[in-house]
Amino acid sequence: MSREFTHIDKDKPAMVDVGDKSETKRSAIAVSHVQLPDDMAKYVHDGEIKTLKGPVFQTAIIAGIQAAKRTWELIPMCHQLNLNKVSIEIELKENLLVEIQCVAKCSGKTGVEMEALTGASIAALTVYDMCKAFSQNISIKETKLLKKTGGKSDYTNS
């Protein structure tokens, strides 16, 4: 199977023409991990960090959903999608590792991977922003696609 970049036309950047594609149900799941430093443990209560700006994880959920809905404005070659669902789940794991999972769904002619990745990324950045007053030793460790369905092929990251 030959692979080529889809956003290049005659050596120039181009938006992919999806006009002739059929609409299908599409979904994507992405994850981001944020590592909080050990000295932040004293600020965690009942699985949440409360700050003067508000509850960190609840705010990050709202930011991630909002970002996923606006992905087409942030990523130059993304199509504007009518999303059917965006959800963000945040779980505090062992050693203050924050796991953020974003699910995006639509019925459309192109996938929602970028929306899921953007939602997870912006939620992670929001955690960083809201916690940076406590510590500068916060790191966003990774953001990756876990799964996508619909379109030409499905994908699962093992």
Protein backbone atom coordinates (compact mmCIF):
# COMPACT_ATOMS: atom_id res chain seq x y z
CA MET A 1 0.00 0.00 0.00
CA SER A 2 1.50 3.28 -1.11
CA ARG A 3 1.16 6.21 1.30
CA GLU A 4 1.39 9.87 0.47
CA PHE A 5 0.66 13.14 2.19
CA THR A 6 -2.93 14.21 1.59
CA HIS A 7 -2.55 17.94 2.21
CA ILE A 8 -0.15 18.60 -0.67
CA ASP A 9 -1.19 19.39 -4.23
CA LYS A 10 1.54 20.06 -6.77
CA ASP A 11 4.05 20.86 -4.00
CA LYS A 12 1.69 23.39 -2.36
CA PRO A 13 -0.40 23.07 0.80
CA ALA A 14 -4.00 22.16 0.04
CA MET A 15 -7.17 21.27 1.88
CA VAL A 16 -8.41 17.79 0.94
CA ASP A 17 -11.56 17.80 -1.20
CA VAL A 18 -14.06 15.57 0.59
CA GLY A 19 -17.04 16.63 -1.54
CA ASP A 20 -17.44 13.27 -3.29
CA LYS A 21 -17.01 11.14 -0.15
CA SER A 22 -19.96 9.47 1.54
CA GLU A 23 -21.00 10.43 5.03
CA THR A 24 -20.28 7.74 7.62
CA LYS A 25 -20.38 7.56 11.38
CA ARG A 26 -16.93 8.45 12.67
CA SER A 27 -15.36 8.44 16.09
CA ALA A 28 -11.96 8.99 17.64
CA ILE A 29 -10.46 8.63 21.10
CA ALA A 30 -7.32 10.52 22.12
CA VAL A 31 -5.43 10.70 25.39
CA SER A 32 -3.09 13.20 27.03
CA HIS A 33 -1.04 12.64 30.16
CA VAL A 34 0.02 15.40 32.54
CA GLN A 35 2.55 14.67 35.25
CA LEU A 36 2.08 16.74 38.38
CA PRO A 37 5.01 17.03 40.80
CA ASP A 38 4.91 15.24 44.17
CA ASP A 39 4.59 18.51 46.09
CA MET A 40 1.14 19.07 44.57
CA ALA A 41 -0.33 16.03 46.39
CA LYS A 42 -1.44 18.23 49.28
CA TYR A 43 -3.76 20.16 46.90
CA VAL A 44 -5.65 17.08 45.68
CA HIS A 45 -8.93 16.40 47.49
CA ASP A 46 -11.56 13.89 46.37
CA GLY A 47 -9.89 13.47 42.97
CA GLU A 48 -9.95 17.21 42.18
CA ILE A 49 -7.69 20.23 42.62
CA LYS A 50 -9.53 23.32 43.77
CA THR A 51 -7.94 26.70 43.05
CA LEU A 52 -9.05 30.33 43.21
CA LYS A 53 -9.66 30.01 39.45
CA GLY A 54 -12.05 27.12 40.10
CA PRO A 55 -11.89 23.31 40.04
CA VAL A 56 -9.01 22.34 37.75
CA PHE A 57 -10.36 19.15 36.19
CA GLN A 58 -13.90 20.46 35.71
CA THR A 59 -12.53 23.56 33.99
CA ALA A 60 -10.25 21.41 31.82
CA ILE A 61 -13.25 19.34 30.70
CA ILE A 62 -15.06 22.46 29.52
CA ALA A 63 -11.94 23.81 27.80
CA GLY A 64 -11.32 20.50 26.01
CA ILE A 65 -14.88 20.28 24.71
CA GLN A 66 -14.77 23.90 23.55
CA ALA A 67 -11.43 23.33 21.79
CA ALA A 68 -12.61 20.19 19.99
CA LYS A 69 -15.56 22.14 18.61
CA ARG A 70 -13.18 24.80 17.26
CA THR A 71 -10.45 22.56 15.84
CA TRP A 72 -11.14 23.74 12.28
CA GLU A 73 -10.21 27.29 13.39
CA LEU A 74 -6.93 26.18 14.95
CA ILE A 75 -5.55 23.59 12.49
CA PRO A 76 -5.23 25.14 9.02
CA MET A 77 -6.28 22.18 6.84
CA CYS A 78 -9.07 20.78 9.05
CA HIS A 79 -12.63 20.76 7.80
CA GLN A 80 -15.39 22.27 9.89
CA LEU A 81 -17.33 19.36 11.35
CA ASN A 82 -20.76 19.15 12.87
CA LEU A 83 -19.82 17.15 15.95
CA ASN A 84 -22.45 14.88 17.46
CA LYS A 85 -20.55 14.34 20.70
CA VAL A 86 -17.42 15.41 22.51
CA SER A 87 -16.66 14.10 25.97
CA ILE A 88 -13.66 14.47 28.23
CA GLU A 89 -12.85 12.13 31.12
CA ILE A 90 -10.10 13.03 33.56
CA GLU A 91 -8.66 10.54 36.02
CA LEU A 92 -5.92 11.04 38.56
CA LYS A 93 -3.71 7.94 38.42
CA GLU A 94 -0.86 6.80 40.67
CA ASN A 95 2.03 9.20 41.27
CA LEU A 96 -0.11 12.24 40.34
CA LEU A 97 -0.33 11.30 36.68
CA VAL A 98 -3.40 12.97 35.19
CA GLU A 99 -4.98 10.99 32.34
CA ILE A 100 -7.24 12.96 30.03
CA GLN A 101 -9.29 11.06 27.46
CA CYS A 102 -11.31 12.80 24.75
CA VAL A 103 -13.96 11.10 22.62
CA ALA A 104 -15.26 12.86 19.51
CA LYS A 105 -18.05 11.62 17.23
CA CYS A 106 -19.74 12.85 14.07
CA SER A 107 -21.49 11.71 10.93
CA GLY A 108 -19.42 13.18 8.15
CA LYS A 109 -17.10 12.89 5.19
CA THR A 110 -13.85 13.17 7.14
CA GLY A 111 -12.53 11.87 10.44
CA VAL A 112 -12.57 13.39 13.90
CA GLU A 113 -9.05 12.44 15.01
CA MET A 114 -7.88 16.04 15.12
CA GLU A 115 -10.90 17.06 17.19
CA ALA A 116 -10.19 14.33 19.75
CA LEU A 117 -6.47 15.20 19.84
CA THR A 118 -7.21 18.92 20.16
CA GLY A 119 -9.71 18.33 22.96
CA ALA A 120 -7.26 16.20 24.94
CA SER A 121 -4.39 18.65 24.30
CA ILE A 122 -6.26 21.76 25.37
CA ALA A 123 -7.61 20.02 28.46
CA ALA A 124 -3.98 19.13 29.34
CA LEU A 125 -2.86 22.72 28.75
CA THR A 126 -5.70 23.93 30.97
CA VAL A 127 -4.54 21.65 33.80
CA TYR A 128 -1.04 23.10 33.36
CA ASP A 129 -2.33 26.68 33.30
CA MET A 130 -4.46 26.31 36.39
CA CYS A 131 -1.72 24.53 38.39
CA LYS A 132 1.35 26.52 37.34
CA ALA A 133 0.99 28.88 40.31
CA PHE A 134 1.67 25.89 42.59
CA SER A 135 4.61 24.52 40.60
CA GLN A 136 6.53 25.01 37.37
CA ASN A 137 7.54 21.31 37.46
CA ILE A 138 4.46 20.12 35.58
CA SER A 139 4.97 18.25 32.32
CA ILE A 140 2.63 17.27 29.54
CA LYS A 141 4.05 13.86 28.79
CA GLU A 142 2.22 12.76 25.66
CA THR A 143 -0.84 13.14 23.52
CA LYS A 144 -1.79 10.35 21.16
CA LEU A 145 -4.63 8.83 19.20
CA LEU A 146 -5.93 5.64 20.78
CA LYS A 147 -8.64 4.67 18.34
CA LYS A 148 -10.58 5.83 15.29
CA THR A 149 -13.53 4.31 13.46
CA GLY A 150 -15.31 5.17 10.23
CA GLY A 151 -14.03 6.17 6.83
CA LYS A 152 -11.65 4.00 4.82
CA SER A 153 -10.08 2.25 7.77
CA ASP A 154 -10.30 1.80 11.51
CA TYR A 155 -7.31 2.21 13.78
CA THR A 156 -6.44 1.06 17.30
CA ASN A 157 -3.17 2.02 19.00
CA SER A 158 -1.97 -0.90 21.05
